[in-house]
Amino acid sequence: MKIVETLPNISEGKNKELINRIKDLSENFDKIWFISCKSDEYFNRSFISVVGELNEIEDFLIQMVKICGGKYKISEIIVGIIQNRCRRCHPDCTANIYNL
């Protein structure tokens, strides 16, 4: 099984309800673990740390985009996973794959 660590960030640092909905979303998946969320109200950003099985991470990120109102492009959010899958990781990519 491949475990992925991903650190999606969203342009929202003040809306605690939105962040809680993303955290609650992780509970809908068997192999997803919500690690942390760091929000910065001043810069209006939230950095979310999630670990899980590769296929479930992809599904989680797609659902996360829907929760955020669809204002983010799904392709931009999952590009790190796709690049890692191909082993052509960009230096700014925030997804890591671990073989277990």
N, C-alpha and C. Protein backbone atom coordinates (compact mmCIF):
# COMPACT_ATOMS: atom_id res chain seq x y z
N MET A 1 0.85 -1.17 0.00
CA MET A 1 0.00 0.00 0.00
C MET A 1 0.89 1.24 0.00
N LYS A 2 0.54 2.22 -0.81
CA LYS A 2 1.28 3.48 -0.85
C LYS A 2 0.55 4.50 0.00
N ILE A 3 1.29 5.11 0.91
CA ILE A 3 0.77 6.16 1.77
C ILE A 3 1.27 7.49 1.25
N VAL A 4 0.38 8.48 1.16
CA VAL A 4 0.71 9.80 0.66
C VAL A 4 0.54 10.82 1.77
N GLU A 5 1.50 11.70 1.87
CA GLU A 5 1.36 12.86 2.74
C GLU A 5 1.16 14.05 1.83
N THR A 6 0.10 14.80 2.05
CA THR A 6 -0.15 15.98 1.22
C THR A 6 -0.49 17.17 2.11
N LEU A 7 -0.09 18.33 1.66
CA LEU A 7 -0.26 19.56 2.43
C LEU A 7 -1.01 20.60 1.61
N PRO A 8 -2.28 20.34 1.33
CA PRO A 8 -3.02 21.34 0.56
C PRO A 8 -3.19 22.62 1.38
N ASN A 9 -3.19 23.74 0.70
CA ASN A 9 -3.46 25.00 1.39
C ASN A 9 -4.56 25.72 0.63
N ILE A 10 -5.38 26.44 1.38
CA ILE A 10 -6.50 27.13 0.79
C ILE A 10 -6.44 28.61 1.19
N SER A 11 -7.06 29.42 0.38
CA SER A 11 -7.10 30.87 0.65
C SER A 11 -8.24 31.17 1.60
N GLU A 12 -8.12 30.66 2.79
CA GLU A 12 -9.12 30.90 3.83
C GLU A 12 -8.46 30.70 5.18
N GLY A 13 -8.38 31.74 5.96
CA GLY A 13 -7.76 31.62 7.27
C GLY A 13 -8.67 32.06 8.39
N LYS A 14 -9.87 32.51 8.06
CA LYS A 14 -10.78 33.05 9.07
C LYS A 14 -12.02 32.20 9.29
N ASN A 15 -12.45 31.48 8.28
CA ASN A 15 -13.69 30.73 8.32
C ASN A 15 -13.47 29.37 9.00
N LYS A 16 -13.65 29.33 10.31
CA LYS A 16 -13.43 28.10 11.09
C LYS A 16 -14.41 27.01 10.70
N GLU A 17 -15.62 27.39 10.29
CA GLU A 17 -16.62 26.40 9.88
C GLU A 17 -16.14 25.62 8.66
N LEU A 18 -15.55 26.33 7.70
CA LEU A 18 -15.03 25.67 6.51
C LEU A 18 -13.91 24.70 6.87
N ILE A 19 -13.00 25.13 7.72
CA ILE A 19 -11.89 24.26 8.14
C ILE A 19 -12.42 23.03 8.86
N ASN A 20 -13.40 23.21 9.72
CA ASN A 20 -13.99 22.08 10.44
C ASN A 20 -14.67 21.11 9.49
N ARG A 21 -15.30 21.63 8.43
CA ARG A 21 -15.93 20.76 7.44
C ARG A 21 -14.89 19.91 6.72
N ILE A 22 -13.73 20.50 6.44
CA ILE A 22 -12.66 19.74 5.79
C ILE A 22 -12.14 18.67 6.75
N LYS A 23 -11.96 19.04 8.00
CA LYS A 23 -11.51 18.07 9.00
C LYS A 23 -12.52 16.93 9.14
N ASP A 24 -13.79 17.27 9.21
CA ASP A 24 -14.84 16.26 9.33
C ASP A 24 -14.89 15.36 8.09
N LEU A 25 -14.57 15.91 6.93
CA LEU A 25 -14.55 15.13 5.70
C LEU A 25 -13.60 13.94 5.82
N SER A 26 -12.47 14.13 6.48
CA SER A 26 -11.49 13.05 6.60
C SER A 26 -12.07 11.84 7.33
N GLU A 27 -13.07 12.05 8.16
CA GLU A 27 -13.69 10.95 8.90
C GLU A 27 -14.56 10.06 8.01
N ASN A 28 -14.84 10.51 6.78
CA ASN A 28 -15.63 9.72 5.84
C ASN A 28 -14.80 8.69 5.10
N PHE A 29 -13.49 8.69 5.33
CA PHE A 29 -12.57 7.80 4.63
C PHE A 29 -11.90 6.87 5.63
N ASP A 30 -11.76 5.60 5.24
CA ASP A 30 -11.15 4.60 6.12
C ASP A 30 -9.64 4.79 6.25
N LYS A 31 -9.00 5.24 5.18
CA LYS A 31 -7.54 5.29 5.16
C LYS A 31 -7.03 6.71 4.96
N ILE A 32 -7.68 7.68 5.61
CA ILE A 32 -7.27 9.08 5.60
C ILE A 32 -7.12 9.52 7.05
N TRP A 33 -6.01 10.19 7.34
CA TRP A 33 -5.78 10.70 8.69
C TRP A 33 -5.48 12.19 8.61
N PHE A 34 -6.34 12.98 9.22
CA PHE A 34 -6.17 14.43 9.31
C PHE A 34 -5.13 14.68 10.38
N ILE A 35 -3.98 15.26 10.03
CA ILE A 35 -2.89 15.45 10.98
C ILE A 35 -3.00 16.81 11.67
N SER A 36 -3.13 17.87 10.88
CA SER A 36 -3.20 19.20 11.49
C SER A 36 -3.70 20.23 10.50
N CYS A 37 -4.02 21.39 11.04
CA CYS A 37 -4.37 22.54 10.22
C CYS A 37 -3.82 23.78 10.90
N LYS A 38 -3.06 24.54 10.17
CA LYS A 38 -2.52 25.80 10.66
C LYS A 38 -3.15 26.92 9.84
N SER A 39 -3.90 27.78 10.50
CA SER A 39 -4.55 28.89 9.81
C SER A 39 -3.90 30.20 10.21
N ASP A 40 -3.82 31.09 9.26
CA ASP A 40 -3.28 32.42 9.50
C ASP A 40 -4.32 33.43 9.03
N GLU A 41 -4.98 34.09 9.97
CA GLU A 41 -6.02 35.05 9.63
C GLU A 41 -5.45 36.26 8.90
N TYR A 42 -4.25 36.68 9.26
CA TYR A 42 -3.63 37.86 8.65
C TYR A 42 -3.40 37.65 7.15
N PHE A 43 -2.84 36.48 6.80
CA PHE A 43 -2.57 36.18 5.39
C PHE A 43 -3.74 35.45 4.72
N ASN A 44 -4.76 35.13 5.49
CA ASN A 44 -5.96 34.44 5.01
C ASN A 44 -5.60 33.14 4.29
N ARG A 45 -4.80 32.30 4.95
CA ARG A 45 -4.38 31.00 4.42
C ARG A 45 -4.54 29.95 5.49
N SER A 46 -4.84 28.73 5.06
CA SER A 46 -4.85 27.57 5.95
C SER A 46 -4.06 26.46 5.27
N PHE A 47 -3.17 25.85 6.04
CA PHE A 47 -2.34 24.75 5.56
C PHE A 47 -2.79 23.49 6.27
N ILE A 48 -3.20 22.51 5.50
CA ILE A 48 -3.80 21.29 6.03
C ILE A 48 -2.85 20.14 5.78
N SER A 49 -2.60 19.34 6.80
CA SER A 49 -1.74 18.16 6.67
C SER A 49 -2.61 16.91 6.77
N VAL A 50 -2.57 16.10 5.69
CA VAL A 50 -3.37 14.89 5.61
C VAL A 50 -2.49 13.75 5.11
N VAL A 51 -2.67 12.58 5.70
CA VAL A 51 -1.94 11.38 5.30
C VAL A 51 -2.97 10.31 4.97
N GLY A 52 -2.67 9.51 3.94
CA GLY A 52 -3.60 8.44 3.61
C GLY A 52 -3.17 7.63 2.41
N GLU A 53 -4.00 6.66 2.10
CA GLU A 53 -3.77 5.80 0.95
C GLU A 53 -3.98 6.61 -0.32
N LEU A 54 -3.15 6.36 -1.33
CA LEU A 54 -3.09 7.18 -2.54
C LEU A 54 -4.45 7.45 -3.17
N ASN A 55 -5.22 6.41 -3.45
CA ASN A 55 -6.52 6.61 -4.11
C ASN A 55 -7.49 7.39 -3.24
N GLU A 56 -7.46 7.17 -1.94
CA GLU A 56 -8.36 7.89 -1.05
C GLU A 56 -7.95 9.35 -0.91
N ILE A 57 -6.66 9.63 -0.97
CA ILE A 57 -6.20 11.02 -0.92
C ILE A 57 -6.75 11.79 -2.12
N GLU A 58 -6.69 11.19 -3.29
CA GLU A 58 -7.22 11.85 -4.48
C GLU A 58 -8.71 12.16 -4.30
N ASP A 59 -9.47 11.18 -3.81
CA ASP A 59 -10.91 11.39 -3.58
C ASP A 59 -11.14 12.46 -2.52
N PHE A 60 -10.34 12.42 -1.47
CA PHE A 60 -10.46 13.41 -0.40
C PHE A 60 -10.25 14.82 -0.94
N LEU A 61 -9.20 15.00 -1.76
CA LEU A 61 -8.89 16.33 -2.30
C LEU A 61 -9.99 16.84 -3.23
N ILE A 62 -10.55 15.95 -4.01
CA ILE A 62 -11.66 16.35 -4.88
C ILE A 62 -12.85 16.80 -4.05
N GLN A 63 -13.17 16.05 -2.99
CA GLN A 63 -14.28 16.43 -2.11
C GLN A 63 -13.96 17.74 -1.38
N MET A 64 -12.70 17.93 -1.02
CA MET A 64 -12.30 19.16 -0.35
C MET A 64 -12.54 20.38 -1.25
N VAL A 65 -12.24 20.23 -2.54
CA VAL A 65 -12.48 21.31 -3.49
C VAL A 65 -13.96 21.65 -3.53
N LYS A 66 -14.81 20.63 -3.51
CA LYS A 66 -16.26 20.86 -3.53
C LYS A 66 -16.70 21.61 -2.28
N ILE A 67 -16.14 21.26 -1.13
CA ILE A 67 -16.47 21.95 0.12
C ILE A 67 -16.05 23.42 0.05
N CYS A 68 -14.93 23.67 -0.59
CA CYS A 68 -14.43 25.05 -0.69
C CYS A 68 -15.20 25.87 -1.71
N GLY A 69 -16.24 25.32 -2.27
CA GLY A 69 -17.06 26.08 -3.19
C GLY A 69 -16.60 26.02 -4.62
N GLY A 70 -15.65 25.14 -4.90
CA GLY A 70 -15.21 24.96 -6.27
C GLY A 70 -14.40 26.12 -6.82
N LYS A 71 -13.91 27.02 -5.95
CA LYS A 71 -13.15 28.14 -6.49
C LYS A 71 -11.69 27.79 -6.75
N TYR A 72 -11.30 26.56 -6.48
CA TYR A 72 -9.94 26.10 -6.76
C TYR A 72 -10.00 25.05 -7.84
N LYS A 73 -9.00 25.01 -8.71
CA LYS A 73 -8.96 24.02 -9.77
C LYS A 73 -8.48 22.70 -9.20
N ILE A 74 -9.25 21.65 -9.44
CA ILE A 74 -8.88 20.33 -8.95
C ILE A 74 -7.52 19.92 -9.49
N SER A 75 -7.25 20.23 -10.76
CA SER A 75 -5.98 19.83 -11.35
C SER A 75 -4.80 20.45 -10.62
N GLU A 76 -4.94 21.67 -10.13
CA GLU A 76 -3.85 22.32 -9.41
C GLU A 76 -3.63 21.66 -8.05
N ILE A 77 -4.71 21.20 -7.43
CA ILE A 77 -4.59 20.62 -6.10
C ILE A 77 -3.97 19.23 -6.15
N ILE A 78 -4.31 18.44 -7.15
CA ILE A 78 -3.79 17.06 -7.16
C ILE A 78 -2.56 16.89 -8.05
N VAL A 79 -2.03 17.97 -8.59
CA VAL A 79 -0.88 17.86 -9.48
C VAL A 79 0.31 17.22 -8.76
N GLY A 80 0.49 17.50 -7.48
CA GLY A 80 1.60 16.91 -6.73
C GLY A 80 1.50 15.40 -6.65
N ILE A 81 0.30 14.90 -6.47
CA ILE A 81 0.10 13.45 -6.40
C ILE A 81 0.42 12.82 -7.75
N ILE A 82 -0.06 13.42 -8.81
CA ILE A 82 0.19 12.88 -10.14
C ILE A 82 1.68 12.91 -10.46
N GLN A 83 2.35 14.00 -10.13
CA GLN A 83 3.78 14.10 -10.40
C GLN A 83 4.55 13.07 -9.59
N ASN A 84 4.18 12.86 -8.35
CA ASN A 84 4.86 11.86 -7.54
C ASN A 84 4.63 10.47 -8.08
N ARG A 85 3.42 10.23 -8.56
CA ARG A 85 3.09 8.92 -9.10
C ARG A 85 4.00 8.62 -10.29
N CYS A 86 4.33 9.66 -11.06
CA CYS A 86 5.21 9.51 -12.23
C CYS A 86 6.69 9.65 -11.86
N ARG A 87 6.95 9.97 -10.59
CA ARG A 87 8.32 10.14 -10.09
C ARG A 87 9.01 11.35 -10.72
N ARG A 88 8.25 12.36 -11.14
CA ARG A 88 8.82 13.60 -11.67
C ARG A 88 8.37 14.73 -10.77
N CYS A 89 8.75 14.69 -9.53
CA CYS A 89 8.24 15.64 -8.54
C CYS A 89 8.89 17.01 -8.71
N HIS A 90 8.06 18.03 -8.74
CA HIS A 90 8.50 19.42 -8.80
C HIS A 90 9.00 19.83 -7.41
N PRO A 91 10.01 20.69 -7.28
CA PRO A 91 10.50 21.10 -5.97
C PRO A 91 9.43 21.71 -5.06
N ASP A 92 8.41 22.33 -5.64
CA ASP A 92 7.35 22.94 -4.83
C ASP A 92 6.22 21.97 -4.51
N CYS A 93 6.31 20.76 -4.98
CA CYS A 93 5.26 19.78 -4.77
C CYS A 93 5.18 19.42 -3.28
N THR A 94 3.95 19.27 -2.78
CA THR A 94 3.78 18.98 -1.36
C THR A 94 3.11 17.63 -1.15
N ALA A 95 3.42 16.66 -1.97
CA ALA A 95 2.91 15.31 -1.77
C ALA A 95 4.10 14.36 -1.73
N ASN A 96 4.12 13.47 -0.77
CA ASN A 96 5.19 12.49 -0.64
C ASN A 96 4.56 11.10 -0.58
N ILE A 97 5.18 10.13 -1.27
CA ILE A 97 4.67 8.76 -1.28
C ILE A 97 5.62 7.88 -0.50
N TYR A 98 5.04 7.05 0.36
CA TYR A 98 5.81 6.12 1.16
C TYR A 98 5.31 4.71 0.86
N ASN A 99 6.20 3.80 0.54
CA ASN A 99 5.82 2.40 0.34
C ASN A 99 5.83 1.69 1.68
N LEU A 100 4.73 1.05 2.00
CA LEU A 100 4.64 0.29 3.26
C LEU A 100 4.50 -1.18 2.97
